C-alpha atoms as a PDB file:
ATOM      1  CA  MET A   1      42.899 102.578  18.956  1.00  0.00           C
ATOM      2  CA  GLY A   2      44.525  99.264  18.254  1.00  0.00           C
ATOM      3  CA  SER A   3      44.631  98.266  21.917  1.00  0.00           C
ATOM      4  CA  ALA A   4      41.601  98.227  24.134  1.00  0.00           C
ATOM      5  CA  LYS A   5      41.771 100.944  26.742  1.00  0.00           C
ATOM      6  CA  HIS A   6      39.211 100.269  29.438  1.00  0.00           C
ATOM      7  CA  ASN A   7      39.434 103.279  31.644  1.00  0.00           C
ATOM      8  CA  ALA A   8      37.369 106.403  31.406  1.00  0.00           C
ATOM      9  CA  LYS A   9      40.244 108.874  31.376  1.00  0.00           C
ATOM     10  CA  ALA A  10      41.648 107.285  28.226  1.00  0.00           C
ATOM     11  CA  TRP A  11      38.283 107.541  26.509  1.00  0.00           C
ATOM     12  CA  SER A  12      36.753 110.777  27.682  1.00  0.00           C
ATOM     13  CA  GLY A  13      39.621 113.074  28.485  1.00  0.00           C
ATOM     14  CA  GLY A  14      38.423 113.758  32.003  1.00  0.00           C
ATOM     15  CA  ARG A  15      35.283 115.880  32.030  1.00  0.00           C
ATOM     16  CA  TYR A  16      32.924 112.925  31.853  1.00  0.00           C
ATOM     17  CA  ALA A  17      35.394 110.311  33.063  1.00  0.00           C
ATOM     18  CA  ALA A  18      33.296 109.192  36.034  1.00  0.00           C
ATOM     19  CA  PHE A  19      30.194 108.726  33.887  1.00  0.00           C
ATOM     20  CA  THR A  20      32.157 106.927  31.201  1.00  0.00           C
ATOM     21  CA  GLN A  21      33.744 104.637  33.767  1.00  0.00           C
ATOM     22  CA  ARG A  22      30.354 103.786  35.275  1.00  0.00           C
ATOM     23  CA  LEU A  23      29.044 102.960  31.818  1.00  0.00           C
ATOM     24  CA  LEU A  24      32.066 100.755  31.046  1.00  0.00           C
ATOM     25  CA  ASP A  25      31.791  99.013  34.399  1.00  0.00           C
ATOM     26  CA  SER A  26      28.084  98.365  33.867  1.00  0.00           C
ATOM     27  CA  VAL A  27      28.458  96.991  30.363  1.00  0.00           C
ATOM     28  CA  LEU A  28      31.637  94.979  30.911  1.00  0.00           C
ATOM     29  CA  GLY A  29      31.300  93.934  34.535  1.00  0.00           C
ATOM     30  CA  ALA A  30      27.649  93.064  35.047  1.00  0.00           C
ATOM     31  CA  PRO A  31      26.644  89.407  35.067  1.00  0.00           C
ATOM     32  CA  GLY A  32      25.060  88.184  31.870  1.00  0.00           C
ATOM     33  CA  ASP A  33      24.828  85.454  29.263  1.00  0.00           C
ATOM     34  CA  THR A  34      28.238  86.481  27.930  1.00  0.00           C
ATOM     35  CA  SER A  35      31.434  86.729  29.940  1.00  0.00           C
ATOM     36  CA  GLY A  36      33.018  90.043  30.773  1.00  0.00           C
ATOM     37  CA  GLU A  37      36.051  88.900  28.774  1.00  0.00           C
ATOM     38  CA  GLN A  38      33.926  88.314  25.691  1.00  0.00           C
ATOM     39  CA  ARG A  39      32.251  91.713  26.065  1.00  0.00           C
ATOM     40  CA  ARG A  40      35.701  93.353  26.446  1.00  0.00           C
ATOM     41  CA  ALA A  41      36.885  91.614  23.267  1.00  0.00           C
ATOM     42  CA  VAL A  42      33.779  92.849  21.434  1.00  0.00           C
ATOM     43  CA  LEU A  43      34.273  96.406  22.719  1.00  0.00           C
ATOM     44  CA  ALA A  44      37.931  96.395  21.644  1.00  0.00           C
ATOM     45  CA  ARG A  45      37.105  95.004  18.199  1.00  0.00           C
ATOM     46  CA  ALA A  46      34.395  97.624  17.649  1.00  0.00           C
ATOM     47  CA  ALA A  47      36.545 100.493  18.971  1.00  0.00           C
ATOM     48  CA  GLY A  48      39.129 100.340  16.236  1.00  0.00           C
ATOM     49  CA  PRO A  49      39.679  98.833  12.849  1.00  0.00           C
ATOM     50  CA  GLY A  50      42.027  95.890  12.857  1.00  0.00           C
ATOM     51  CA  ALA A  51      41.611  95.212  16.570  1.00  0.00           C
ATOM     52  CA  PRO A  52      42.131  91.575  17.475  1.00  0.00           C
ATOM     53  CA  ALA A  53      39.117  89.299  17.629  1.00  0.00           C
ATOM     54  CA  ASP A  54      40.382  87.165  20.498  1.00  0.00           C
ATOM     55  CA  GLY A  55      37.820  84.529  21.394  1.00  0.00           C
ATOM     56  CA  LEU A  56      35.203  85.682  18.897  1.00  0.00           C
ATOM     57  CA  SER A  57      33.775  83.204  16.408  1.00  0.00           C
ATOM     58  CA  ALA A  58      33.625  84.166  12.737  1.00  0.00           C
ATOM     59  CA  PRO A  59      29.842  84.866  12.809  1.00  0.00           C
ATOM     60  CA  LEU A  60      30.281  86.985  15.924  1.00  0.00           C
ATOM     61  CA  ARG A  61      33.197  88.920  14.384  1.00  0.00           C
ATOM     62  CA  ARG A  62      31.115  89.709  11.314  1.00  0.00           C
ATOM     63  CA  TYR A  63      28.215  90.846  13.487  1.00  0.00           C
ATOM     64  CA  VAL A  64      30.436  93.055  15.691  1.00  0.00           C
ATOM     65  CA  ASP A  65      32.035  94.638  12.636  1.00  0.00           C
ATOM     66  CA  MET A  66      28.595  95.289  11.147  1.00  0.00           C
ATOM     67  CA  VAL A  67      27.279  96.889  14.353  1.00  0.00           C
ATOM     68  CA  ALA A  68      30.405  99.030  14.635  1.00  0.00           C
ATOM     69  CA  ARG A  69      30.548 100.225  11.041  1.00  0.00           C
ATOM     70  CA  HIS A  70      27.200  99.687   9.300  1.00  0.00           C
ATOM     71  CA  ALA A  71      24.514  99.057  11.912  1.00  0.00           C
ATOM     72  CA  TYR A  72      21.817 100.352   9.573  1.00  0.00           C
ATOM     73  CA  LYS A  73      22.489  97.387   7.275  1.00  0.00           C
ATOM     74  CA  LEU A  74      21.710  94.731   9.894  1.00  0.00           C
ATOM     75  CA  THR A  75      18.758  92.485   9.099  1.00  0.00           C
ATOM     76  CA  ASP A  76      16.736  89.815  10.853  1.00  0.00           C
ATOM     77  CA  ASP A  77      18.788  87.281   8.896  1.00  0.00           C
ATOM     78  CA  ASP A  78      21.963  88.515  10.618  1.00  0.00           C
ATOM     79  CA  LEU A  79      20.405  87.953  14.029  1.00  0.00           C
ATOM     80  CA  ALA A  80      19.030  84.571  12.986  1.00  0.00           C
ATOM     81  CA  ALA A  81      22.531  83.516  11.898  1.00  0.00           C
ATOM     82  CA  LEU A  82      23.833  84.282  15.394  1.00  0.00           C
ATOM     83  CA  GLN A  83      20.983  82.333  16.958  1.00  0.00           C
ATOM     84  CA  ARG A  84      21.710  79.373  14.678  1.00  0.00           C
ATOM     85  CA  ALA A  85      25.347  79.589  15.800  1.00  0.00           C
ATOM     86  CA  GLY A  86      24.151  79.150  19.395  1.00  0.00           C
ATOM     87  CA  SER A  87      23.756  82.697  20.727  1.00  0.00           C
ATOM     88  CA  SER A  88      20.738  83.461  22.893  1.00  0.00           C
ATOM     89  CA  GLU A  89      18.728  86.649  22.487  1.00  0.00           C
ATOM     90  CA  ASP A  90      20.226  87.950  25.741  1.00  0.00           C
ATOM     91  CA  ALA A  91      23.756  87.206  24.522  1.00  0.00           C
ATOM     92  CA  ILE A  92      23.062  88.987  21.227  1.00  0.00           C
ATOM     93  CA  PHE A  93      21.779  92.015  23.152  1.00  0.00           C
ATOM     94  CA  GLU A  94      24.892  92.097  25.358  1.00  0.00           C
ATOM     95  CA  ILE A  95      27.179  91.783  22.331  1.00  0.00           C
ATOM     96  CA  THR A  96      25.253  94.520  20.516  1.00  0.00           C
ATOM     97  CA  VAL A  97      25.535  96.924  23.462  1.00  0.00           C
ATOM     98  CA  SER A  98      29.256  96.179  23.858  1.00  0.00           C
ATOM     99  CA  ALA A  99      29.881  96.693  20.137  1.00  0.00           C
ATOM    100  CA  ALA A 100      27.887  99.934  20.023  1.00  0.00           C
ATOM    101  CA  LEU A 101      29.732 101.268  23.080  1.00  0.00           C
ATOM    102  CA  GLY A 102      33.094 100.292  21.612  1.00  0.00           C
ATOM    103  CA  ALA A 103      32.275 102.001  18.319  1.00  0.00           C
ATOM    104  CA  ALA A 104      31.097 105.146  20.114  1.00  0.00           C
ATOM    105  CA  LEU A 105      34.164 105.338  22.338  1.00  0.00           C
ATOM    106  CA  GLY A 106      36.460 104.690  19.394  1.00  0.00           C
ATOM    107  CA  ARG A 107      34.883 107.574  17.492  1.00  0.00           C
ATOM    108  CA  LEU A 108      35.077 109.775  20.574  1.00  0.00           C
ATOM    109  CA  GLU A 109      38.795 109.082  20.915  1.00  0.00           C
ATOM    110  CA  CYS A 110      39.357 109.877  17.224  1.00  0.00           C
ATOM    111  CA  GLY A 111      37.509 113.171  17.622  1.00  0.00           C
ATOM    112  CA  LEU A 112      39.412 114.110  20.768  1.00  0.00           C
ATOM    113  CA  ALA A 113      42.701 113.235  19.068  1.00  0.00           C
ATOM    114  CA  ALA A 114      41.785 115.496  16.165  1.00  0.00           C
ATOM    115  CA  LEU A 115      40.993 118.346  18.556  1.00  0.00           C
ATOM    116  CA  ARG A 116      44.394 117.853  20.188  1.00  0.00           C
ATOM    117  CA  GLY A 117      46.027 117.917  16.760  1.00  0.00           C
ATOM    118  CA  GLU A 118      47.139 114.296  17.033  1.00  0.00           C
ATOM    119  CA  ALA A 119      46.834 111.526  14.521  1.00  0.00           C
ATOM    120  CA  PRO A 120      44.538 108.792  15.828  1.00  0.00           C
ATOM    121  CA  ASP A 121      46.132 105.397  16.636  1.00  0.00           C
END
């Protein structure tokens, strides 16, 4: 999962490819407070451990990693730190959705790889 794959067939294996692609297009391509490039970087970071953090500040990287791996540990202080670093509430929402989607798709790919008898990337 080291590289970000942004097409539905790579993520879903086909059966739900159209739905997955619509979801990806909506999250990554819709206008918002964050750029599509930033949302793609967040999705890629959350999808796999060790993914590059291109263009993500240190506070944002920490937040994305927390959403992807330990979302239940997030506190109001974590969100306040992002706001102090200059992120709007809308930007935080967009980053959170992108990170959650990346984490979900990364886990999906790992599960599908296991079913195929392959070692995950």
